[in-house]
Protein backbone atom coordinates (compact mmCIF):
# COMPACT_ATOMS: atom_id res chain seq x y z
CA MET A 1 9.38 1.16 17.14
CA LEU A 2 10.63 2.98 14.07
CA ILE A 3 8.30 3.85 11.18
CA THR A 4 9.88 4.67 7.83
CA GLY A 5 7.83 6.31 5.10
CA ALA A 6 5.74 7.70 7.93
CA ALA A 7 3.87 10.33 5.89
CA GLY A 8 2.09 7.83 3.65
CA GLN A 9 -1.25 6.11 4.07
CA LEU A 10 -0.04 3.17 6.14
CA GLY A 11 2.63 5.14 7.99
CA THR A 12 0.08 7.71 9.12
CA ASP A 13 -2.18 5.04 10.56
CA PHE A 14 0.75 3.46 12.39
CA GLN A 15 1.52 6.82 13.96
CA ARG A 16 -2.02 6.98 15.31
CA LEU A 17 -1.81 3.46 16.69
CA LEU A 18 1.74 3.91 18.01
CA PRO A 19 2.06 7.49 19.27
CA ASP A 20 5.36 6.71 21.01
CA ALA A 21 7.03 5.35 17.87
CA ASP A 22 9.74 7.27 16.05
CA ALA A 23 8.20 8.28 12.72
CA LEU A 24 10.46 9.36 9.87
CA ASP A 25 9.22 10.50 6.48
CA ARG A 26 11.38 10.52 3.35
CA HIS A 27 12.60 14.05 4.10
CA ARG A 28 14.03 12.93 7.44
CA LEU A 29 15.29 9.54 6.26
CA SER A 30 15.97 8.25 2.78
CA ILE A 31 16.09 4.47 3.03
CA THR A 32 18.43 4.52 0.03
CA ASP A 33 21.17 5.95 2.32
CA ARG A 34 22.74 2.87 3.93
CA GLU A 35 24.64 4.62 6.72
CA ALA A 36 21.71 6.91 7.58
CA VAL A 37 19.49 3.84 7.79
CA LEU A 38 21.85 2.14 10.24
CA THR A 39 21.93 5.24 12.42
CA ALA A 40 18.13 5.47 12.41
CA VAL A 41 17.58 1.78 13.17
CA ARG A 42 19.90 1.67 16.18
CA GLY A 43 18.01 1.53 19.46
CA HIS A 44 14.76 0.23 17.99
CA ASP A 45 13.28 -3.20 18.58
CA VAL A 46 11.01 -3.13 15.52
CA VAL A 47 11.21 -1.34 12.17
CA LEU A 48 8.03 -0.89 10.12
CA ASN A 49 9.05 -0.08 6.56
CA CYS A 50 6.18 1.82 4.97
CA ALA A 51 8.44 3.61 2.49
CA ALA A 52 7.84 2.80 -1.16
CA TYR A 53 8.03 4.21 -4.67
CA ASN A 54 4.65 3.53 -6.26
CA ALA A 55 4.60 5.64 -9.43
CA VAL A 56 3.84 2.51 -11.43
CA ASP A 57 3.67 4.08 -14.89
CA ALA A 58 6.63 6.41 -14.37
CA ALA A 59 8.76 3.41 -13.42
CA GLU A 60 8.37 1.99 -16.93
CA ALA A 61 10.11 5.00 -18.44
CA ASP A 62 12.66 5.40 -15.64
CA PRO A 63 12.98 2.32 -13.41
CA ALA A 64 15.99 3.56 -11.43
CA PRO A 65 14.05 5.40 -8.69
CA ALA A 66 11.75 2.41 -8.20
CA PHE A 67 14.65 0.00 -7.78
CA ALA A 68 16.52 2.42 -5.51
CA VAL A 69 13.58 2.73 -3.09
CA ASN A 70 11.80 -0.61 -3.49
CA THR A 71 14.86 -2.86 -3.76
CA GLY A 72 17.89 -1.02 -2.41
CA GLY A 73 16.00 0.62 0.44
CA PRO A 74 14.61 -2.59 1.95
CA ALA A 75 18.00 -4.22 1.50
CA ASN A 76 19.55 -1.42 3.55
CA LEU A 77 16.95 -1.83 6.28
CA ALA A 78 17.41 -5.60 6.41
CA TRP A 79 21.19 -5.16 6.68
CA ALA A 80 20.82 -2.56 9.43
CA CYS A 81 18.40 -4.79 11.35
CA SER A 82 20.83 -7.69 11.04
CA GLN A 83 23.49 -5.50 12.64
CA THR A 84 21.30 -4.24 15.48
CA GLY A 85 19.10 -7.27 16.18
CA SER A 86 15.94 -5.34 15.30
CA ARG A 87 12.86 -6.99 13.81
CA LEU A 88 11.80 -5.81 10.36
CA VAL A 89 8.37 -5.63 8.76
CA HIS A 90 8.45 -4.86 5.04
CA TYR A 91 5.45 -4.34 2.77
CA SER A 92 5.05 -5.66 -0.75
CA THR A 93 2.29 -5.86 -3.30
CA ASN A 94 -0.08 -8.03 -5.30
CA TYR A 95 1.69 -6.71 -8.40
CA VAL A 96 4.39 -9.36 -7.96
CA PHE A 97 1.92 -11.72 -9.71
CA ASP A 98 1.04 -11.53 -13.39
CA GLY A 99 -2.69 -11.93 -12.80
CA SER A 100 -3.21 -14.74 -15.28
CA ALA A 101 -4.56 -17.24 -12.73
CA PRO A 102 -8.35 -17.55 -12.33
CA GLU A 103 -8.24 -17.72 -8.51
CA PRO A 104 -6.72 -15.41 -5.85
CA TYR A 105 -3.00 -15.88 -5.29
CA SER A 106 -1.71 -17.44 -2.05
CA GLU A 107 1.79 -17.33 -0.59
CA SER A 108 2.56 -20.68 -2.27
CA GLU A 109 2.13 -19.28 -5.81
CA GLU A 110 5.18 -18.40 -7.88
CA PRO A 111 5.48 -14.63 -8.46
CA ARG A 112 5.74 -13.42 -12.05
CA PRO A 113 5.99 -9.61 -12.08
CA LEU A 114 5.00 -7.82 -15.26
CA GLY A 115 6.50 -4.33 -15.08
CA ALA A 116 9.44 -2.42 -13.63
CA TYR A 117 7.60 -1.41 -10.46
CA ALA A 118 6.50 -5.00 -9.84
CA ARG A 119 10.02 -6.33 -10.42
CA SER A 120 11.46 -3.76 -8.01
CA LYS A 121 9.03 -4.86 -5.30
CA LEU A 122 9.76 -8.56 -5.78
CA ASP A 123 13.50 -7.90 -5.78
CA GLY A 124 13.00 -6.00 -2.53
CA GLU A 125 11.32 -9.04 -0.98
CA HIS A 126 14.22 -11.25 -2.04
CA ARG A 127 16.87 -8.89 -0.72
CA VAL A 128 15.10 -8.59 2.64
CA LEU A 129 14.71 -12.33 3.22
CA GLU A 130 18.18 -13.19 1.92
CA THR A 131 19.73 -10.79 4.42
CA LEU A 132 17.24 -11.22 7.27
CA PRO A 133 15.31 -14.51 7.12
CA SER A 134 13.48 -13.57 10.33
CA ALA A 135 11.84 -10.57 8.64
CA LEU A 136 8.09 -10.36 8.10
CA VAL A 137 7.17 -9.50 4.50
CA ILE A 138 3.51 -8.58 4.09
CA ARG A 139 1.95 -8.47 0.64
CA SER A 140 -1.25 -6.48 0.43
CA ALA A 141 -3.43 -4.92 -2.26
CA GLY A 142 -5.51 -1.87 -3.08
CA LEU A 143 -4.54 0.19 -0.05
CA PHE A 144 -6.65 3.19 0.90
CA GLY A 145 -6.33 5.30 4.02
CA ALA A 146 -6.98 8.66 5.61
CA THR A 147 -4.10 10.59 4.08
CA GLY A 148 -4.15 9.02 0.64
CA SER A 149 -1.18 8.49 -1.63
CA ALA A 150 0.66 11.80 -2.07
CA ILE A 151 2.13 10.80 -5.41
CA LYS A 152 -1.34 9.96 -6.76
CA GLY A 153 -3.23 12.87 -5.21
CA GLY A 154 -5.07 10.93 -2.52
CA SER A 155 -6.45 7.45 -2.02
CA PHE A 156 -8.47 5.87 -4.82
CA PRO A 157 -11.93 6.34 -3.23
CA GLU A 158 -11.03 9.91 -2.25
CA ARG A 159 -10.00 10.74 -5.81
CA MET A 160 -13.19 9.23 -7.19
CA VAL A 161 -15.46 11.24 -4.89
CA LYS A 162 -13.58 14.50 -5.50
CA ARG A 163 -13.59 14.07 -9.26
CA ALA A 164 -17.29 13.22 -9.30
CA ARG A 165 -18.15 16.26 -7.18
CA GLU A 166 -16.16 18.43 -9.57
CA GLY A 167 -18.15 17.08 -12.49
CA GLN A 168 -15.23 15.29 -14.09
CA GLN A 169 -15.84 12.26 -16.28
CA LEU A 170 -15.05 8.98 -14.53
CA ARG A 171 -13.69 6.26 -16.81
CA ILE A 172 -12.60 3.42 -14.52
CA VAL A 173 -11.00 0.08 -15.34
CA ALA A 174 -13.44 -2.79 -14.95
CA ASP A 175 -11.24 -5.74 -15.91
CA GLN A 176 -8.65 -5.49 -13.10
CA ARG A 177 -9.64 -7.06 -9.77
CA LEU A 178 -8.13 -6.62 -6.32
CA ASN A 179 -8.83 -6.69 -2.57
CA PRO A 180 -9.43 -3.06 -1.48
CA THR A 181 -7.68 -2.95 1.90
CA TYR A 182 -8.15 -0.25 4.55
CA THR A 183 -4.76 0.73 5.96
CA VAL A 184 -6.15 0.92 9.51
CA ASP A 185 -7.03 -2.77 9.28
CA LEU A 186 -3.64 -3.62 7.78
CA ALA A 187 -1.77 -1.74 10.52
CA ARG A 188 -3.68 -3.51 13.29
CA ALA A 189 -3.16 -6.90 11.66
CA THR A 190 0.56 -6.19 11.41
CA LEU A 191 0.82 -5.62 15.14
CA ASP A 192 -1.04 -8.87 15.77
CA LEU A 193 1.38 -10.78 13.52
CA LEU A 194 4.34 -9.22 15.31
CA ALA A 195 2.93 -10.29 18.65
CA GLN A 196 2.58 -13.84 17.31
CA GLY A 197 6.16 -13.88 16.04
CA VAL A 198 5.16 -14.56 12.42
CA THR A 199 7.99 -14.35 9.86
CA GLY A 200 8.39 -14.82 6.12
CA VAL A 201 5.91 -13.87 3.40
CA VAL A 202 2.26 -13.40 4.41
CA HIS A 203 -0.69 -12.09 2.41
CA VAL A 204 -2.81 -9.67 4.44
CA VAL A 205 -5.80 -8.27 2.57
CA ALA A 206 -9.46 -7.51 3.02
CA ALA A 207 -11.92 -10.30 2.39
CA GLY A 208 -13.52 -10.18 -1.03
CA CYS A 209 -12.41 -8.90 -4.41
CA CYS A 210 -13.84 -6.36 -6.81
CA SER A 211 -12.86 -4.33 -9.84
CA TYR A 212 -11.69 -0.73 -9.66
CA TRP A 213 -14.99 0.18 -11.32
CA GLU A 214 -16.99 -1.55 -8.57
CA LEU A 215 -14.87 0.18 -5.93
CA ALA A 216 -15.50 3.58 -7.50
CA VAL A 217 -19.25 2.97 -7.70
CA GLU A 218 -19.37 1.95 -4.03
CA ALA A 219 -17.32 4.97 -2.96
CA LEU A 220 -19.73 7.32 -4.72
CA ARG A 221 -22.72 5.53 -3.20
CA LEU A 222 -21.34 5.99 0.30
CA ALA A 223 -20.63 9.65 -0.42
CA GLY A 224 -24.14 10.19 -1.73
CA VAL A 225 -22.80 11.43 -5.05
CA SER A 226 -24.83 10.66 -8.15
CA ALA A 227 -22.51 10.54 -11.14
CA PRO A 228 -21.95 8.16 -14.05
CA VAL A 229 -18.97 5.83 -13.78
CA ASP A 230 -18.04 4.48 -17.20
CA PRO A 231 -16.40 1.03 -17.18
CA VAL A 232 -13.41 0.72 -19.52
CA THR A 233 -10.93 -2.03 -20.29
CA THR A 234 -7.25 -1.94 -19.49
CA ALA A 235 -6.52 -1.68 -23.20
CA GLU A 236 -8.84 1.30 -23.57
CA LEU A 237 -7.21 3.08 -20.66
CA GLY A 238 -3.78 2.68 -22.26
CA ALA A 239 -1.58 2.85 -19.13
CA ALA A 240 2.16 2.71 -19.66
CA ALA A 241 2.82 -0.12 -17.20
CA PRO A 242 1.25 -3.59 -17.40
CA ARG A 243 -0.92 -4.54 -14.46
CA PRO A 244 -2.29 -7.89 -13.26
CA ARG A 245 -5.89 -8.43 -14.35
CA ASN A 246 -6.39 -10.70 -11.35
CA GLY A 247 -4.74 -8.88 -8.46
CA CYS A 248 -6.70 -10.74 -5.78
CA LEU A 249 -4.77 -12.30 -2.92
CA THR A 250 -5.65 -14.97 -0.39
CA SER A 251 -3.63 -16.58 2.39
CA ILE A 252 -2.86 -20.08 3.56
CA ARG A 253 -1.19 -18.65 6.67
CA VAL A 254 -3.61 -16.12 8.18
CA LYS A 255 -7.28 -15.20 8.04
CA ALA A 256 -8.39 -12.41 5.76
CA LEU A 257 -9.30 -9.06 7.24
CA ARG A 258 -12.93 -7.96 7.38
CA ASP A 259 -14.84 -7.50 4.13
CA TRP A 260 -13.67 -4.58 2.02
CA HIS A 261 -17.13 -2.99 2.10
CA GLU A 262 -16.84 -2.62 5.89
CA GLY A 263 -13.41 -1.06 5.67
CA LEU A 264 -14.57 1.35 2.97
CA THR A 265 -17.59 2.35 5.07
CA ASP A 266 -15.34 3.14 8.05
CA TRP A 267 -12.88 4.99 5.82
CA PHE A 268 -15.63 7.21 4.44
CA ALA A 269 -16.97 8.00 7.93
CA ALA A 270 -13.48 9.02 9.08
CA TRP A 271 -12.86 11.02 5.89
CA ARG A 272 -16.18 12.87 6.21
CA GLN A 273 -15.47 13.68 9.86
CA ALA A 274 -12.00 14.99 9.03
CA ALA A 275 -13.45 17.14 6.24
CA SER A 276 -16.05 18.62 8.59
CA GLN A 277 -13.34 19.57 11.07
CA ALA A 278 -11.04 21.19 8.50
CA PRO A 279 -10.64 24.94 8.94
CA VAL A 280 -12.76 27.05 6.61
CA ARG A 281 -10.68 29.25 4.31
CA MET A 282 -12.07 32.77 4.36
CA PRO A 283 -11.64 34.91 1.23
CA ARG A 284 -9.11 37.70 1.48
CA PRO A 285 -10.59 41.21 1.79
């Protein structure tokens, strides 16, 4: 197997599950380079595309990088897989929906992306399936994992705990809902879907939905950190990019993963263990 975007949250978990896979981060392979992609894909039966540009607000001001990575990159991978006979798994997002529906979105719902990032992800889905109809496109939501998102400074629960411990004020959006999904669970589910030969668009998320505010409160509870978490509205936060108020997904094709509380509990246990094993930095004499 080949893992692209291997240094991210999902890519890191795939490396742990698949120690024999070839893992390439963005420094070793830019999926925007068509010929380099073809060279990398050759000789692999399966390609797991974990590469993505997810600077949602920055994409509003400058959408070009988002479309290069989220649209052009998957298109390159689909083309390369069509040339080599490799299977492709590509990941997309709940942001392809506008969030106006009262219920969670299934695969049968019509996407209506709101911002540049969301449009780039939906365009990436289309390019993949137009070129390689046998591809598996997995939409998920609210990913959190051991390594966290480098561009955001760590996963959402990690950032909340660190900021609370540092005494920073926590003002968290309470009117956007999603399925917080542990990347370990998503990676394992992906391998199951591959084994079953599933293709097309599938929603794979944790069971249950909550707001970002509820997720932050639960993360602090698990960490044993007592700190106020102030709920704010999307309008009060004033983010540059529009986001779906209802970002909850469901599936008519597969069962949901375990409840998000269980995934978060396991994430925190792994995060705490990793922190306890980190080398202690001694002050210089």
